[in-house]
């Protein structure tokens, strides 16, 4: 799950933006603003053992990252969601840390795109 060596795949974003660069940038800005909230919520729900909301947050974050072609991160979030739903906390902290790192790493090229 730590392997996230693939570059961003923005094909789906290209498709839904129909070539409108500003719309694409606006969607990326929204996603970039969501990243800290996703990470904060995942950590908070884990720390308070609120697995129901942890699963919901992982599901929401998964949907967002997949729009940006972050398949490995999406798979990690899906695993996190399943573990939380099954009340299996063994790997959750490690997965949250991995997801946080992946989101931070991938935010750099997204920020570069928005600023181009």
PDB file of N, CA and C in Angstrom:
ATOM      1  N   UNK A   1       0.801  -1.188   0.000  1.00  0.00           N
ATOM      2  CA  UNK A   1       0.000   0.000   0.000  1.00  0.00           C
ATOM      3  C   UNK A   1       0.854   1.265   0.000  1.00  0.00           C
ATOM      4  N   UNK A   2       2.102   1.127   0.380  1.00  0.00           N
ATOM      5  CA  UNK A   2       2.959   2.299   0.399  1.00  0.00           C
ATOM      6  C   UNK A   2       3.409   2.687  -1.002  1.00  0.00           C
ATOM      7  N   UNK A   3       3.325   1.770  -1.939  1.00  0.00           N
ATOM      8  CA  UNK A   3       3.784   2.056  -3.284  1.00  0.00           C
ATOM      9  C   UNK A   3       2.834   3.018  -3.968  1.00  0.00           C
ATOM     10  N   UNK A   4       3.334   4.199  -4.229  1.00  0.00           N
ATOM     11  CA  UNK A   4       2.546   5.180  -4.955  1.00  0.00           C
ATOM     12  C   UNK A   4       3.480   5.894  -5.913  1.00  0.00           C
ATOM     13  N   UNK A   5       4.110   5.107  -6.770  1.00  0.00           N
ATOM     14  CA  UNK A   5       5.110   5.645  -7.667  1.00  0.00           C
ATOM     15  C   UNK A   5       4.502   6.123  -8.980  1.00  0.00           C
ATOM     16  N   UNK A   6       3.255   5.816  -9.218  1.00  0.00           N
ATOM     17  CA  UNK A   6       2.614   6.255 -10.442  1.00  0.00           C
ATOM     18  C   UNK A   6       2.343   7.749 -10.360  1.00  0.00           C
ATOM     19  N   UNK A   7       2.573   8.454 -11.479  1.00  0.00           N
ATOM     20  CA  UNK A   7       2.217   9.866 -11.473  1.00  0.00           C
ATOM     21  C   UNK A   7       0.699  10.014 -11.458  1.00  0.00           C
ATOM     22  N   UNK A   8       0.277  11.218 -11.207  1.00  0.00           N
ATOM     23  CA  UNK A   8      -1.156  11.476 -11.238  1.00  0.00           C
ATOM     24  C   UNK A   8      -1.709  11.138 -12.615  1.00  0.00           C
ATOM     25  N   UNK A   9      -2.898  10.620 -12.624  1.00  0.00           N
ATOM     26  CA  UNK A   9      -3.580  10.325 -13.877  1.00  0.00           C
ATOM     27  C   UNK A   9      -4.820  11.210 -13.900  1.00  0.00           C
ATOM     28  N   UNK A  10      -4.759  12.255 -14.695  1.00  0.00           N
ATOM     29  CA  UNK A  10      -5.843  13.221 -14.709  1.00  0.00           C
ATOM     30  C   UNK A  10      -6.810  13.002 -15.875  1.00  0.00           C
ATOM     31  N   UNK A  11      -6.824  11.803 -16.441  1.00  0.00           N
ATOM     32  CA  UNK A  11      -7.712  11.524 -17.578  1.00  0.00           C
ATOM     33  C   UNK A  11      -9.172  11.771 -17.236  1.00  0.00           C
ATOM     34  N   UNK A  12      -9.617  11.267 -16.091  1.00  0.00           N
ATOM     35  CA  UNK A  12     -11.016  11.462 -15.715  1.00  0.00           C
ATOM     36  C   UNK A  12     -11.312  12.946 -15.519  1.00  0.00           C
ATOM     37  N   UNK A  13     -10.408  13.656 -14.890  1.00  0.00           N
ATOM     38  CA  UNK A  13     -10.577  15.092 -14.689  1.00  0.00           C
ATOM     39  C   UNK A  13     -10.618  15.815 -16.035  1.00  0.00           C
ATOM     40  N   UNK A  14      -9.780  15.389 -16.972  1.00  0.00           N
ATOM     41  CA  UNK A  14      -9.808  15.963 -18.312  1.00  0.00           C
ATOM     42  C   UNK A  14     -11.173  15.742 -18.959  1.00  0.00           C
ATOM     43  N   UNK A  15     -11.681  14.535 -18.764  1.00  0.00           N
ATOM     44  CA  UNK A  15     -12.974  14.178 -19.359  1.00  0.00           C
ATOM     45  C   UNK A  15     -14.104  15.036 -18.796  1.00  0.00           C
ATOM     46  N   UNK A  16     -14.175  15.170 -17.477  1.00  0.00           N
ATOM     47  CA  UNK A  16     -15.295  15.914 -16.896  1.00  0.00           C
ATOM     48  C   UNK A  16     -15.157  17.427 -17.061  1.00  0.00           C
ATOM     49  N   UNK A  17     -13.937  17.894 -17.290  1.00  0.00           N
ATOM     50  CA  UNK A  17     -13.747  19.333 -17.487  1.00  0.00           C
ATOM     51  C   UNK A  17     -13.903  19.729 -18.953  1.00  0.00           C
ATOM     52  N   UNK A  18     -13.969  18.743 -19.840  1.00  0.00           N
ATOM     53  CA  UNK A  18     -14.173  18.991 -21.279  1.00  0.00           C
ATOM     54  C   UNK A  18     -13.229  20.057 -21.828  1.00  0.00           C
ATOM     55  N   UNK A  19     -11.986  20.008 -21.367  1.00  0.00           N
ATOM     56  CA  UNK A  19     -10.983  20.929 -21.885  1.00  0.00           C
ATOM     57  C   UNK A  19     -10.979  22.303 -21.245  1.00  0.00           C
ATOM     58  N   UNK A  20     -11.853  22.542 -20.293  1.00  0.00           N
ATOM     59  CA  UNK A  20     -11.926  23.838 -19.618  1.00  0.00           C
ATOM     60  C   UNK A  20     -10.866  23.863 -18.510  1.00  0.00           C
ATOM     61  N   UNK A  21      -9.736  24.506 -18.797  1.00  0.00           N
ATOM     62  CA  UNK A  21      -8.599  24.532 -17.876  1.00  0.00           C
ATOM     63  C   UNK A  21      -8.972  25.188 -16.539  1.00  0.00           C
ATOM     64  N   UNK A  22      -9.728  26.283 -16.584  1.00  0.00           N
ATOM     65  CA  UNK A  22     -10.086  26.967 -15.341  1.00  0.00           C
ATOM     66  C   UNK A  22     -10.970  26.089 -14.463  1.00  0.00           C
ATOM     67  N   UNK A  23     -11.911  25.369 -15.074  1.00  0.00           N
ATOM     68  CA  UNK A  23     -12.766  24.445 -14.319  1.00  0.00           C
ATOM     69  C   UNK A  23     -11.913  23.356 -13.677  1.00  0.00           C
ATOM     70  N   UNK A  24     -10.965  22.852 -14.442  1.00  0.00           N
ATOM     71  CA  UNK A  24     -10.056  21.822 -13.936  1.00  0.00           C
ATOM     72  C   UNK A  24      -9.254  22.360 -12.746  1.00  0.00           C
ATOM     73  N   UNK A  25      -8.740  23.570 -12.870  1.00  0.00           N
ATOM     74  CA  UNK A  25      -7.989  24.184 -11.780  1.00  0.00           C
ATOM     75  C   UNK A  25      -8.877  24.397 -10.559  1.00  0.00           C
ATOM     76  N   UNK A  26     -10.125  24.795 -10.785  1.00  0.00           N
ATOM     77  CA  UNK A  26     -11.043  25.003  -9.672  1.00  0.00           C
ATOM     78  C   UNK A  26     -11.309  23.701  -8.920  1.00  0.00           C
ATOM     79  N   UNK A  27     -11.479  22.605  -9.646  1.00  0.00           N
ATOM     80  CA  UNK A  27     -11.690  21.301  -9.004  1.00  0.00           C
ATOM     81  C   UNK A  27     -10.457  20.886  -8.190  1.00  0.00           C
ATOM     82  N   UNK A  28      -9.290  21.139  -8.758  1.00  0.00           N
ATOM     83  CA  UNK A  28      -8.054  20.808  -8.051  1.00  0.00           C
ATOM     84  C   UNK A  28      -7.922  21.648  -6.779  1.00  0.00           C
ATOM     85  N   UNK A  29      -8.258  22.929  -6.852  1.00  0.00           N
ATOM     86  CA  UNK A  29      -8.191  23.794  -5.677  1.00  0.00           C
ATOM     87  C   UNK A  29      -9.111  23.275  -4.568  1.00  0.00           C
ATOM     88  N   UNK A  30     -10.306  22.853  -4.934  1.00  0.00           N
ATOM     89  CA  UNK A  30     -11.242  22.304  -3.951  1.00  0.00           C
ATOM     90  C   UNK A  30     -10.636  21.065  -3.291  1.00  0.00           C
ATOM     91  N   UNK A  31     -10.078  20.180  -4.113  1.00  0.00           N
ATOM     92  CA  UNK A  31      -9.466  18.964  -3.582  1.00  0.00           C
ATOM     93  C   UNK A  31      -8.294  19.286  -2.666  1.00  0.00           C
ATOM     94  N   UNK A  32      -7.438  20.208  -3.079  1.00  0.00           N
ATOM     95  CA  UNK A  32      -6.292  20.590  -2.254  1.00  0.00           C
ATOM     96  C   UNK A  32      -6.744  21.155  -0.909  1.00  0.00           C
ATOM     97  N   UNK A  33      -7.846  21.878  -0.899  1.00  0.00           N
ATOM     98  CA  UNK A  33      -8.381  22.413   0.355  1.00  0.00           C
ATOM     99  C   UNK A  33      -8.955  21.304   1.232  1.00  0.00           C
ATOM    100  N   UNK A  34      -9.412  20.218   0.623  1.00  0.00           N
ATOM    101  CA  UNK A  34      -9.991  19.104   1.373  1.00  0.00           C
ATOM    102  C   UNK A  34      -8.928  18.221   2.030  1.00  0.00           C
ATOM    103  N   UNK A  35      -7.739  18.170   1.477  1.00  0.00           N
ATOM    104  CA  UNK A  35      -6.714  17.243   1.955  1.00  0.00           C
ATOM    105  C   UNK A  35      -6.455  17.395   3.461  1.00  0.00           C
ATOM    106  N   UNK A  36      -6.177  18.605   3.969  1.00  0.00           N
ATOM    107  CA  UNK A  36      -5.937  18.714   5.421  1.00  0.00           C
ATOM    108  C   UNK A  36      -7.139  18.264   6.245  1.00  0.00           C
ATOM    109  N   UNK A  37      -8.332  18.547   5.762  1.00  0.00           N
ATOM    110  CA  UNK A  37      -9.544  18.137   6.478  1.00  0.00           C
ATOM    111  C   UNK A  37      -9.654  16.611   6.511  1.00  0.00           C
ATOM    112  N   UNK A  38      -9.402  15.963   5.379  1.00  0.00           N
ATOM    113  CA  UNK A  38      -9.439  14.499   5.351  1.00  0.00           C
ATOM    114  C   UNK A  38      -8.463  13.916   6.375  1.00  0.00           C
ATOM    115  N   UNK A  39      -7.232  14.392   6.345  1.00  0.00           N
ATOM    116  CA  UNK A  39      -6.192  13.853   7.219  1.00  0.00           C
ATOM    117  C   UNK A  39      -6.539  14.115   8.690  1.00  0.00           C
ATOM    118  N   UNK A  40      -6.946  15.321   9.002  1.00  0.00           N
ATOM    119  CA  UNK A  40      -7.324  15.670  10.376  1.00  0.00           C
ATOM    120  C   UNK A  40      -8.464  14.777  10.862  1.00  0.00           C
ATOM    121  N   UNK A  41      -9.489  14.619  10.032  1.00  0.00           N
ATOM    122  CA  UNK A  41     -10.643  13.811  10.435  1.00  0.00           C
ATOM    123  C   UNK A  41     -10.275  12.345  10.614  1.00  0.00           C
ATOM    124  N   UNK A  42      -9.472  11.804   9.697  1.00  0.00           N
ATOM    125  CA  UNK A  42      -9.063  10.405   9.833  1.00  0.00           C
ATOM    126  C   UNK A  42      -8.340  10.194  11.163  1.00  0.00           C
ATOM    127  N   UNK A  43      -7.412  11.085  11.474  1.00  0.00           N
ATOM    128  CA  UNK A  43      -6.652  10.977  12.724  1.00  0.00           C
ATOM    129  C   UNK A  43      -7.557  11.151  13.942  1.00  0.00           C
ATOM    130  N   UNK A  44      -8.455  12.130  13.876  1.00  0.00           N
ATOM    131  CA  UNK A  44      -9.342  12.412  14.998  1.00  0.00           C
ATOM    132  C   UNK A  44     -10.280  11.224  15.262  1.00  0.00           C
ATOM    133  N   UNK A  45     -10.879  10.693  14.201  1.00  0.00           N
ATOM    134  CA  UNK A  45     -11.797   9.570  14.385  1.00  0.00           C
ATOM    135  C   UNK A  45     -11.064   8.335  14.893  1.00  0.00           C
ATOM    136  N   UNK A  46      -9.844   8.130  14.413  1.00  0.00           N
ATOM    137  CA  UNK A  46      -9.053   7.000  14.902  1.00  0.00           C
ATOM    138  C   UNK A  46      -8.718   7.186  16.388  1.00  0.00           C
ATOM    139  N   UNK A  47      -8.263   8.383  16.742  1.00  0.00           N
ATOM    140  CA  UNK A  47      -7.865   8.656  18.123  1.00  0.00           C
ATOM    141  C   UNK A  47      -9.034   8.507  19.098  1.00  0.00           C
ATOM    142  N   UNK A  48     -10.228   8.839  18.641  1.00  0.00           N
ATOM    143  CA  UNK A  48     -11.402   8.735  19.520  1.00  0.00           C
ATOM    144  C   UNK A  48     -12.130   7.400  19.355  1.00  0.00           C
ATOM    145  N   UNK A  49     -11.529   6.503  18.566  1.00  0.00           N
ATOM    146  CA  UNK A  49     -12.095   5.175  18.312  1.00  0.00           C
ATOM    147  C   UNK A  49     -13.512   5.257  17.729  1.00  0.00           C
ATOM    148  N   UNK A  50     -13.748   6.291  16.924  1.00  0.00           N
ATOM    149  CA  UNK A  50     -15.032   6.482  16.252  1.00  0.00           C
ATOM    150  C   UNK A  50     -14.933   5.827  14.872  1.00  0.00           C
ATOM    151  N   UNK A  51     -15.017   4.518  14.877  1.00  0.00           N
ATOM    152  CA  UNK A  51     -14.777   3.758  13.647  1.00  0.00           C
ATOM    153  C   UNK A  51     -15.866   3.954  12.606  1.00  0.00           C
ATOM    154  N   UNK A  52     -17.078   4.239  13.049  1.00  0.00           N
ATOM    155  CA  UNK A  52     -18.166   4.488  12.101  1.00  0.00           C
ATOM    156  C   UNK A  52     -17.849   5.729  11.257  1.00  0.00           C
ATOM    157  N   UNK A  53     -17.473   6.813  11.903  1.00  0.00           N
ATOM    158  CA  UNK A  53     -17.142   8.029  11.161  1.00  0.00           C
ATOM    159  C   UNK A  53     -15.807   7.913  10.434  1.00  0.00           C
ATOM    160  N   UNK A  54     -14.901   7.126  10.971  1.00  0.00           N
ATOM    161  CA  UNK A  54     -13.644   6.869  10.276  1.00  0.00           C
ATOM    162  C   UNK A  54     -13.914   6.191   8.934  1.00  0.00           C
ATOM    163  N   UNK A  55     -14.789   5.196   8.939  1.00  0.00           N
ATOM    164  CA  UNK A  55     -15.144   4.503   7.700  1.00  0.00           C
ATOM    165  C   UNK A  55     -15.800   5.460   6.706  1.00  0.00           C
ATOM    166  N   UNK A  56     -16.679   6.319   7.199  1.00  0.00           N
ATOM    167  CA  UNK A  56     -17.352   7.291   6.323  1.00  0.00           C
ATOM    168  C   UNK A  56     -16.347   8.271   5.712  1.00  0.00           C
ATOM    169  N   UNK A  57     -15.431   8.755   6.535  1.00  0.00           N
ATOM    170  CA  UNK A  57     -14.432   9.714   6.048  1.00  0.00           C
ATOM    171  C   UNK A  57     -13.509   9.054   5.028  1.00  0.00           C
ATOM    172  N   UNK A  58     -13.118   7.818   5.286  1.00  0.00           N
ATOM    173  CA  UNK A  58     -12.269   7.094   4.331  1.00  0.00           C
ATOM    174  C   UNK A  58     -12.998   6.929   3.005  1.00  0.00           C
ATOM    175  N   UNK A  59     -14.294   6.634   3.063  1.00  0.00           N
ATOM    176  CA  UNK A  59     -15.096   6.480   1.841  1.00  0.00           C
ATOM    177  C   UNK A  59     -15.156   7.793   1.062  1.00  0.00           C
ATOM    178  N   UNK A  60     -15.407   8.881   1.760  1.00  0.00           N
ATOM    179  CA  UNK A  60     -15.475  10.198   1.115  1.00  0.00           C
ATOM    180  C   UNK A  60     -14.136  10.569   0.489  1.00  0.00           C
ATOM    181  N   UNK A  61     -13.059  10.374   1.238  1.00  0.00           N
ATOM    182  CA  UNK A  61     -11.724  10.700   0.724  1.00  0.00           C
ATOM    183  C   UNK A  61     -11.382   9.821  -0.475  1.00  0.00           C
ATOM    184  N   UNK A  62     -11.769   8.554  -0.406  1.00  0.00           N
ATOM    185  CA  UNK A  62     -11.493   7.624  -1.515  1.00  0.00           C
ATOM    186  C   UNK A  62     -12.138   8.123  -2.799  1.00  0.00           C
ATOM    187  N   UNK A  63     -13.373   8.540  -2.708  1.00  0.00           N
ATOM    188  CA  UNK A  63     -14.076   9.038  -3.886  1.00  0.00           C
ATOM    189  C   UNK A  63     -13.347  10.234  -4.493  1.00  0.00           C
ATOM    190  N   UNK A  64     -12.858  11.107  -3.638  1.00  0.00           N
ATOM    191  CA  UNK A  64     -12.150  12.293  -4.123  1.00  0.00           C
ATOM    192  C   UNK A  64     -10.816  11.949  -4.770  1.00  0.00           C
ATOM    193  N   UNK A  65     -10.025  11.090  -4.134  1.00  0.00           N
ATOM    194  CA  UNK A  65      -8.695  10.803  -4.688  1.00  0.00           C
ATOM    195  C   UNK A  65      -8.791  10.061  -6.017  1.00  0.00           C
ATOM    196  N   UNK A  66      -9.823   9.257  -6.183  1.00  0.00           N
ATOM    197  CA  UNK A  66      -9.955   8.510  -7.431  1.00  0.00           C
ATOM    198  C   UNK A  66     -10.243   9.423  -8.620  1.00  0.00           C
ATOM    199  N   UNK A  67     -10.874  10.563  -8.379  1.00  0.00           N
ATOM    200  CA  UNK A  67     -11.097  11.541  -9.454  1.00  0.00           C
ATOM    201  C   UNK A  67      -9.760  12.011 -10.016  1.00  0.00           C
ATOM    202  N   UNK A  68      -8.745  12.026  -9.157  1.00  0.00           N
ATOM    203  CA  UNK A  68      -7.427  12.510  -9.558  1.00  0.00           C
ATOM    204  C   UNK A  68      -6.472  11.377  -9.932  1.00  0.00           C
ATOM    205  N   UNK A  69      -7.024  10.193 -10.152  1.00  0.00           N
ATOM    206  CA  UNK A  69      -6.223   9.067 -10.613  1.00  0.00           C
ATOM    207  C   UNK A  69      -5.266   8.524  -9.576  1.00  0.00           C
ATOM    208  N   UNK A  70      -5.528   8.794  -8.325  1.00  0.00           N
ATOM    209  CA  UNK A  70      -4.654   8.326  -7.245  1.00  0.00           C
ATOM    210  C   UNK A  70      -5.137   6.943  -6.802  1.00  0.00           C
ATOM    211  N   UNK A  71      -4.935   5.973  -7.686  1.00  0.00           N
ATOM    212  CA  UNK A  71      -5.473   4.631  -7.472  1.00  0.00           C
ATOM    213  C   UNK A  71      -4.900   3.943  -6.236  1.00  0.00           C
ATOM    214  N   UNK A  72      -3.609   4.098  -5.994  1.00  0.00           N
ATOM    215  CA  UNK A  72      -2.998   3.466  -4.819  1.00  0.00           C
ATOM    216  C   UNK A  72      -3.551   4.053  -3.528  1.00  0.00           C
ATOM    217  N   UNK A  73      -3.714   5.364  -3.507  1.00  0.00           N
ATOM    218  CA  UNK A  73      -4.281   6.016  -2.328  1.00  0.00           C
ATOM    219  C   UNK A  73      -5.733   5.589  -2.154  1.00  0.00           C
ATOM    220  N   UNK A  74      -6.451   5.493  -3.260  1.00  0.00           N
ATOM    221  CA  UNK A  74      -7.834   5.024  -3.213  1.00  0.00           C
ATOM    222  C   UNK A  74      -7.934   3.622  -2.633  1.00  0.00           C
ATOM    223  N   UNK A  75      -7.012   2.755  -3.039  1.00  0.00           N
ATOM    224  CA  UNK A  75      -6.999   1.380  -2.521  1.00  0.00           C
ATOM    225  C   UNK A  75      -6.696   1.376  -1.018  1.00  0.00           C
ATOM    226  N   UNK A  76      -5.793   2.242  -0.579  1.00  0.00           N
ATOM    227  CA  UNK A  76      -5.473   2.341   0.845  1.00  0.00           C
ATOM    228  C   UNK A  76      -6.684   2.817   1.633  1.00  0.00           C
ATOM    229  N   UNK A  77      -7.388   3.796   1.089  1.00  0.00           N
ATOM    230  CA  UNK A  77      -8.571   4.309   1.768  1.00  0.00           C
ATOM    231  C   UNK A  77      -9.703   3.278   1.795  1.00  0.00           C
ATOM    232  N   UNK A  78      -9.823   2.504   0.741  1.00  0.00           N
ATOM    233  CA  UNK A  78     -10.821   1.428   0.717  1.00  0.00           C
ATOM    234  C   UNK A  78     -10.496   0.406   1.805  1.00  0.00           C
ATOM    235  N   UNK A  79      -9.223   0.047   1.927  1.00  0.00           N
ATOM    236  CA  UNK A  79      -8.787  -0.895   2.972  1.00  0.00           C
ATOM    237  C   UNK A  79      -9.085  -0.313   4.356  1.00  0.00           C
ATOM    238  N   UNK A  80      -8.790   0.964   4.529  1.00  0.00           N
ATOM    239  CA  UNK A  80      -9.063   1.639   5.790  1.00  0.00           C
ATOM    240  C   UNK A  80     -10.559   1.602   6.103  1.00  0.00           C
ATOM    241  N   UNK A  81     -11.376   1.880   5.108  1.00  0.00           N
ATOM    242  CA  UNK A  81     -12.827   1.851   5.286  1.00  0.00           C
ATOM    243  C   UNK A  81     -13.300   0.464   5.732  1.00  0.00           C
ATOM    244  N   UNK A  82     -12.818  -0.555   5.068  1.00  0.00           N
ATOM    245  CA  UNK A  82     -13.216  -1.931   5.390  1.00  0.00           C
ATOM    246  C   UNK A  82     -12.772  -2.305   6.806  1.00  0.00           C
ATOM    247  N   UNK A  83     -11.535  -1.989   7.145  1.00  0.00           N
ATOM    248  CA  UNK A  83     -11.032  -2.302   8.489  1.00  0.00           C
ATOM    249  C   UNK A  83     -11.869  -1.605   9.560  1.00  0.00           C
ATOM    250  N   UNK A  84     -12.196  -0.333   9.326  1.00  0.00           N
ATOM    251  CA  UNK A  84     -13.001   0.403  10.306  1.00  0.00           C
ATOM    252  C   UNK A  84     -14.398  -0.210  10.424  1.00  0.00           C
ATOM    253  N   UNK A  85     -14.986  -0.579   9.300  1.00  0.00           N
ATOM    254  CA  UNK A  85     -16.320  -1.189   9.317  1.00  0.00           C
ATOM    255  C   UNK A  85     -16.311  -2.532  10.050  1.00  0.00           C
ATOM    256  N   UNK A  86     -15.184  -3.227   9.987  1.00  0.00           N
ATOM    257  CA  UNK A  86     -15.056  -4.532  10.643  1.00  0.00           C
ATOM    258  C   UNK A  86     -14.506  -4.415  12.076  1.00  0.00           C
ATOM    259  N   UNK A  87     -14.327  -3.188  12.549  1.00  0.00           N
ATOM    260  CA  UNK A  87     -13.757  -2.948  13.888  1.00  0.00           C
ATOM    261  C   UNK A  87     -12.395  -3.612  14.059  1.00  0.00           C
ATOM    262  N   UNK A  88     -11.615  -3.620  13.010  1.00  0.00           N
ATOM    263  CA  UNK A  88     -10.285  -4.216  13.009  1.00  0.00           C
ATOM    264  C   UNK A  88      -9.271  -3.074  12.969  1.00  0.00           C
ATOM    265  N   UNK A  89      -8.781  -2.677  14.112  1.00  0.00           N
ATOM    266  CA  UNK A  89      -7.935  -1.484  14.201  1.00  0.00           C
ATOM    267  C   UNK A  89      -6.443  -1.745  14.021  1.00  0.00           C
ATOM    268  N   UNK A  90      -6.063  -2.988  13.827  1.00  0.00           N
ATOM    269  CA  UNK A  90      -4.651  -3.350  13.780  1.00  0.00           C
ATOM    270  C   UNK A  90      -3.790  -2.550  12.830  1.00  0.00           C
ATOM    271  N   UNK A  91      -4.230  -2.345  11.609  1.00  0.00           N
ATOM    272  CA  UNK A  91      -3.422  -1.661  10.588  1.00  0.00           C
ATOM    273  C   UNK A  91      -3.821  -0.212  10.368  1.00  0.00           C
ATOM    274  N   UNK A  92      -4.857   0.234  11.019  1.00  0.00           N
ATOM    275  CA  UNK A  92      -5.440   1.534  10.690  1.00  0.00           C
ATOM    276  C   UNK A  92      -4.448   2.687  10.817  1.00  0.00           C
ATOM    277  N   UNK A  93      -3.715   2.743  11.911  1.00  0.00           N
ATOM    278  CA  UNK A  93      -2.784   3.864  12.102  1.00  0.00           C
ATOM    279  C   UNK A  93      -1.736   3.897  10.987  1.00  0.00           C
ATOM    280  N   UNK A  94      -1.201   2.759  10.630  1.00  0.00           N
ATOM    281  CA  UNK A  94      -0.193   2.684   9.560  1.00  0.00           C
ATOM    282  C   UNK A  94      -0.781   3.149   8.227  1.00  0.00           C
ATOM    283  N   UNK A  95      -2.005   2.762   7.959  1.00  0.00           N
ATOM    284  CA  UNK A  95      -2.643   3.158   6.700  1.00  0.00           C
ATOM    285  C   UNK A  95      -2.894   4.661   6.684  1.00  0.00           C
ATOM    286  N   UNK A  96      -3.348   5.212   7.791  1.00  0.00           N
ATOM    287  CA  UNK A  96      -3.569   6.663   7.854  1.00  0.00           C
ATOM    288  C   UNK A  96      -2.264   7.406   7.585  1.00  0.00           C
ATOM    289  N   UNK A  97      -1.175   6.950   8.178  1.00  0.00           N
ATOM    290  CA  UNK A  97       0.127   7.587   7.959  1.00  0.00           C
ATOM    291  C   UNK A  97       0.538   7.499   6.492  1.00  0.00           C
ATOM    292  N   UNK A  98       0.296   6.353   5.879  1.00  0.00           N
ATOM    293  CA  UNK A  98       0.633   6.164   4.472  1.00  0.00           C
ATOM    294  C   UNK A  98      -0.204   7.073   3.577  1.00  0.00           C
ATOM    295  N   UNK A  99      -1.494   7.138   3.859  1.00  0.00           N
ATOM    296  CA  UNK A  99      -2.390   7.999   3.079  1.00  0.00           C
ATOM    297  C   UNK A  99      -1.979   9.458   3.215  1.00  0.00           C
ATOM    298  N   UNK A 100      -1.643   9.870   4.429  1.00  0.00           N
ATOM    299  CA  UNK A 100      -1.212  11.256   4.646  1.00  0.00           C
ATOM    300  C   UNK A 100       0.023  11.572   3.800  1.00  0.00           C
ATOM    301  N   UNK A 101       0.981  10.673   3.803  1.00  0.00           N
ATOM    302  CA  UNK A 101       2.206  10.873   3.018  1.00  0.00           C
ATOM    303  C   UNK A 101       1.896  10.933   1.518  1.00  0.00           C
ATOM    304  N   UNK A 102       1.045  10.033   1.053  1.00  0.00           N
ATOM    305  CA  UNK A 102       0.680  10.005  -0.365  1.00  0.00           C
ATOM    306  C   UNK A 102      -0.032  11.292  -0.771  1.00  0.00           C
ATOM    307  N   UNK A 103      -0.945  11.770   0.062  1.00  0.00           N
ATOM    308  CA  UNK A 103      -1.661  13.001  -0.247  1.00  0.00           C
ATOM    309  C   UNK A 103      -0.713  14.196  -0.277  1.00  0.00           C
ATOM    310  N   UNK A 104       0.208  14.249   0.665  1.00  0.00           N
ATOM    311  CA  UNK A 104       1.190  15.337   0.674  1.00  0.00           C
ATOM    312  C   UNK A 104       2.052  15.303  -0.587  1.00  0.00           C
ATOM    313  N   UNK A 105       2.492  14.114  -0.961  1.00  0.00           N
ATOM    314  CA  UNK A 105       3.343  13.960  -2.144  1.00  0.00           C
ATOM    315  C   UNK A 105       2.611  14.378  -3.410  1.00  0.00           C
ATOM    316  N   UNK A 106       1.381  13.933  -3.553  1.00  0.00           N
ATOM    317  CA  UNK A 106       0.632  14.218  -4.773  1.00  0.00           C
ATOM    318  C   UNK A 106       0.075  15.639  -4.811  1.00  0.00           C
ATOM    319  N   UNK A 107       0.036  16.310  -3.673  1.00  0.00           N
ATOM    320  CA  UNK A 107      -0.447  17.688  -3.691  1.00  0.00           C
ATOM    321  C   UNK A 107       0.540  18.621  -4.390  1.00  0.00           C
ATOM    322  N   UNK A 108       1.804  18.235  -4.451  1.00  0.00           N
ATOM    323  CA  UNK A 108       2.819  19.082  -5.086  1.00  0.00           C
ATOM    324  C   UNK A 108       2.547  19.263  -6.581  1.00  0.00           C
ATOM    325  N   UNK A 109       2.397  18.182  -7.372  1.00  0.00           N
ATOM    326  CA  UNK A 109       2.117  18.407  -8.793  1.00  0.00           C
ATOM    327  C   UNK A 109       0.752  19.053  -9.037  1.00  0.00           C
ATOM    328  N   UNK A 110      -0.209  18.792  -8.160  1.00  0.00           N
ATOM    329  CA  UNK A 110      -1.513  19.430  -8.316  1.00  0.00           C
ATOM    330  C   UNK A 110      -1.402  20.934  -8.075  1.00  0.00           C
ATOM    331  N   UNK A 111      -0.654  21.316  -7.050  1.00  0.00           N
ATOM    332  CA  UNK A 111      -0.435  22.736  -6.768  1.00  0.00           C
ATOM    333  C   UNK A 111       0.310  23.389  -7.916  1.00  0.00           C
ATOM    334  N   UNK A 112       1.309  22.699  -8.450  1.00  0.00           N
ATOM    335  CA  UNK A 112       2.061  23.221  -9.602  1.00  0.00           C
ATOM    336  C   UNK A 112       1.133  23.453 -10.787  1.00  0.00           C
ATOM    337  N   UNK A 113       0.205  22.525 -11.019  1.00  0.00           N
ATOM    338  CA  UNK A 113      -0.727  22.672 -12.136  1.00  0.00           C
ATOM    339  C   UNK A 113      -1.620  23.905 -11.932  1.00  0.00           C
ATOM    340  N   UNK A 114      -2.138  24.048 -10.725  1.00  0.00           N
ATOM    341  CA  UNK A 114      -3.019  25.183 -10.436  1.00  0.00           C
ATOM    342  C   UNK A 114      -2.281  26.503 -10.637  1.00  0.00           C
ATOM    343  N   UNK A 115      -1.004  26.522 -10.279  1.00  0.00           N
ATOM    344  CA  UNK A 115      -0.218  27.750 -10.370  1.00  0.00           C
ATOM    345  C   UNK A 115       0.401  27.985 -11.741  1.00  0.00           C
ATOM    346  N   UNK A 116       0.162  27.074 -12.674  1.00  0.00           N
ATOM    347  CA  UNK A 116       0.778  27.242 -14.006  1.00  0.00           C
ATOM    348  C   UNK A 116      -0.044  28.159 -14.887  1.00  0.00           C
TER     349      UNK A 116
END
